[in-house]
C-alpha atoms as a PDB file:
ATOM      1  CA  MET A   1     138.357  -7.309 -22.042  1.00  0.00           C
ATOM      2  CA  MET A   2     138.507 -11.074 -21.248  1.00  0.00           C
ATOM      3  CA  ASP A   3     137.455 -10.307 -17.728  1.00  0.00           C
ATOM      4  CA  ARG A   4     134.358  -8.590 -19.063  1.00  0.00           C
ATOM      5  CA  TYR A   5     133.566 -11.479 -21.329  1.00  0.00           C
ATOM      6  CA  GLU A   6     133.974 -13.906 -18.385  1.00  0.00           C
ATOM      7  CA  GLN A   7     131.739 -11.835 -16.098  1.00  0.00           C
ATOM      8  CA  LEU A   8     129.015 -11.449 -18.723  1.00  0.00           C
ATOM      9  CA  ALA A   9     129.266 -15.229 -19.459  1.00  0.00           C
ATOM     10  CA  GLY A  10     128.800 -15.859 -15.673  1.00  0.00           C
ATOM     11  CA  LEU A  11     125.689 -13.595 -15.598  1.00  0.00           C
ATOM     12  CA  LEU A  12     124.221 -15.519 -18.650  1.00  0.00           C
ATOM     13  CA  ARG A  13     124.886 -18.873 -17.086  1.00  0.00           C
ATOM     14  CA  ALA A  14     123.156 -17.703 -13.891  1.00  0.00           C
ATOM     15  CA  ALA A  15     120.188 -16.472 -15.956  1.00  0.00           C
ATOM     16  CA  ASN A  16     120.180 -19.674 -18.029  1.00  0.00           C
ATOM     17  CA  PRO A  17     121.864 -22.747 -16.513  1.00  0.00           C
ATOM     18  CA  GLN A  18     121.039 -24.836 -19.471  1.00  0.00           C
ATOM     19  CA  ILE A  19     123.952 -23.129 -21.378  1.00  0.00           C
ATOM     20  CA  SER A  20     127.409 -24.451 -20.938  1.00  0.00           C
ATOM     21  CA  GLU A  21     130.202 -22.131 -19.998  1.00  0.00           C
ATOM     22  CA  ALA A  22     131.675 -22.232 -23.475  1.00  0.00           C
ATOM     23  CA  LYS A  23     128.370 -21.588 -25.105  1.00  0.00           C
ATOM     24  CA  ALA A  24     127.711 -18.703 -22.662  1.00  0.00           C
ATOM     25  CA  ARG A  25     131.039 -17.215 -23.664  1.00  0.00           C
ATOM     26  CA  THR A  26     130.174 -17.645 -27.394  1.00  0.00           C
ATOM     27  CA  TRP A  27     126.770 -15.913 -26.891  1.00  0.00           C
ATOM     28  CA  VAL A  28     128.492 -13.019 -25.068  1.00  0.00           C
ATOM     29  CA  GLU A  29     131.001 -12.612 -27.812  1.00  0.00           C
ATOM     30  CA  LEU A  30     128.333 -12.795 -30.474  1.00  0.00           C
ATOM     31  CA  LEU A  31     126.053 -10.284 -28.844  1.00  0.00           C
ATOM     32  CA  TRP A  32     128.985  -7.899 -28.214  1.00  0.00           C
ATOM     33  CA  GLU A  33     130.245  -8.061 -31.796  1.00  0.00           C
ATOM     34  CA  ASP A  34     126.899  -7.757 -33.320  1.00  0.00           C
ATOM     35  CA  PHE A  35     126.152  -4.719 -31.222  1.00  0.00           C
ATOM     36  CA  GLU A  36     129.415  -3.102 -32.118  1.00  0.00           C
ATOM     37  CA  SER A  37     129.081  -3.822 -35.922  1.00  0.00           C
ATOM     38  CA  THR A  38     125.437  -2.773 -36.080  1.00  0.00           C
ATOM     39  CA  TYR A  39     126.180   0.465 -34.188  1.00  0.00           C
ATOM     40  CA  ALA A  40     129.081   1.187 -36.607  1.00  0.00           C
ATOM     41  CA  LYS A  41     126.892   0.307 -39.618  1.00  0.00           C
ATOM     42  CA  ALA A  42     124.292   2.802 -38.408  1.00  0.00           C
ATOM     43  CA  GLY A  43     127.027   5.496 -38.617  1.00  0.00           C
ATOM     44  CA  TYR A  44     127.348   6.225 -34.880  1.00  0.00           C
ATOM     45  CA  ASP A  45     130.640   7.012 -33.275  1.00  0.00           C
ATOM     46  CA  TYR A  46     132.146   4.328 -31.143  1.00  0.00           C
ATOM     47  CA  GLN A  47     131.108   4.690 -27.546  1.00  0.00           C
ATOM     48  CA  GLY A  48     133.571   2.349 -25.980  1.00  0.00           C
ATOM     49  CA  VAL A  49     133.520  -0.940 -24.293  1.00  0.00           C
ATOM     50  CA  ASP A  50     131.353   0.383 -21.482  1.00  0.00           C
ATOM     51  CA  MET A  51     128.406   0.864 -23.873  1.00  0.00           C
ATOM     52  CA  ALA A  52     128.865  -2.490 -25.430  1.00  0.00           C
ATOM     53  CA  GLU A  53     128.897  -4.104 -21.960  1.00  0.00           C
ATOM     54  CA  ARG A  54     125.731  -2.347 -20.934  1.00  0.00           C
ATOM     55  CA  PHE A  55     124.013  -3.512 -24.100  1.00  0.00           C
ATOM     56  CA  VAL A  56     124.943  -7.189 -23.517  1.00  0.00           C
ATOM     57  CA  LYS A  57     124.015  -6.990 -19.814  1.00  0.00           C
ATOM     58  CA  ASN A  58     120.692  -5.501 -20.811  1.00  0.00           C
ATOM     59  CA  ILE A  59     120.054  -8.445 -23.269  1.00  0.00           C
ATOM     60  CA  ILE A  60     121.077 -11.009 -20.666  1.00  0.00           C
ATOM     61  CA  SER A  61     118.748  -9.593 -18.067  1.00  0.00           C
ATOM     62  CA  MET A  62     115.749  -9.363 -20.493  1.00  0.00           C
ATOM     63  CA  TYR A  63     116.318 -12.565 -22.523  1.00  0.00           C
ATOM     64  CA  GLY A  64     119.144 -14.589 -20.914  1.00  0.00           C
ATOM     65  CA  GLY A  65     116.856 -17.315 -19.741  1.00  0.00           C
ATOM     66  CA  LYS A  66     115.276 -17.723 -23.181  1.00  0.00           C
ATOM     67  CA  LEU A  67     118.238 -17.692 -25.454  1.00  0.00           C
ATOM     68  CA  HIS A  68     118.053 -21.466 -26.054  1.00  0.00           C
ATOM     69  CA  ASP A  69     114.356 -20.886 -27.289  1.00  0.00           C
ATOM     70  CA  PHE A  70     115.428 -18.126 -29.572  1.00  0.00           C
ATOM     71  CA  ALA A  71     118.317 -20.262 -31.048  1.00  0.00           C
ATOM     72  CA  ALA A  72     115.979 -23.161 -31.588  1.00  0.00           C
ATOM     73  CA  MET A  73     113.657 -20.988 -33.700  1.00  0.00           C
ATOM     74  CA  ASN A  74     116.407 -19.178 -35.681  1.00  0.00           C
ATOM     75  CA  PRO A  75     118.650 -21.249 -37.786  1.00  0.00           C
ATOM     76  CA  ARG A  76     121.357 -18.598 -37.907  1.00  0.00           C
ATOM     77  CA  TYR A  77     121.991 -19.238 -34.170  1.00  0.00           C
ATOM     78  CA  ALA A  78     120.686 -22.872 -33.618  1.00  0.00           C
ATOM     79  CA  HIS A  79     124.301 -24.336 -34.105  1.00  0.00           C
ATOM     80  CA  LEU A  80     125.394 -22.289 -31.072  1.00  0.00           C
ATOM     81  CA  LEU A  81     123.295 -24.355 -28.727  1.00  0.00           C
ATOM     82  CA  GLU A  82     123.534 -27.796 -30.409  1.00  0.00           C
ATOM     83  CA  SER A  83     125.022 -30.521 -28.380  1.00  0.00           C
ATOM     84  CA  LYS A  84     127.078 -33.268 -29.873  1.00  0.00           C
ATOM     85  CA  ASP A  85     123.957 -35.469 -30.100  1.00  0.00           C
ATOM     86  CA  GLY A  86     122.174 -32.889 -32.185  1.00  0.00           C
ATOM     87  CA  LYS A  87     119.741 -31.756 -29.517  1.00  0.00           C
ATOM     88  CA  ILE A  88     119.144 -28.107 -28.693  1.00  0.00           C
ATOM     89  CA  HIS A  89     119.656 -27.406 -25.039  1.00  0.00           C
END
């Protein structure tokens, strides 16, 4: 599982070099967990890690380069991209 997270974090960093390695990993885990919990809340049967991985890859390919813009506009996620000096990346 950790290998999948690392691979996806690498894809995200390739799509958005403004994100640090640690923050890319955080985003991957957040997207993965949000997908799984939303899918479960909707009443669907668990489709396995392959389905979650495809979802996260899709999000990265469509929005990976813009995640920092999304976080800046959404206070729920803004803390994920704040640097120590308080600036959004």
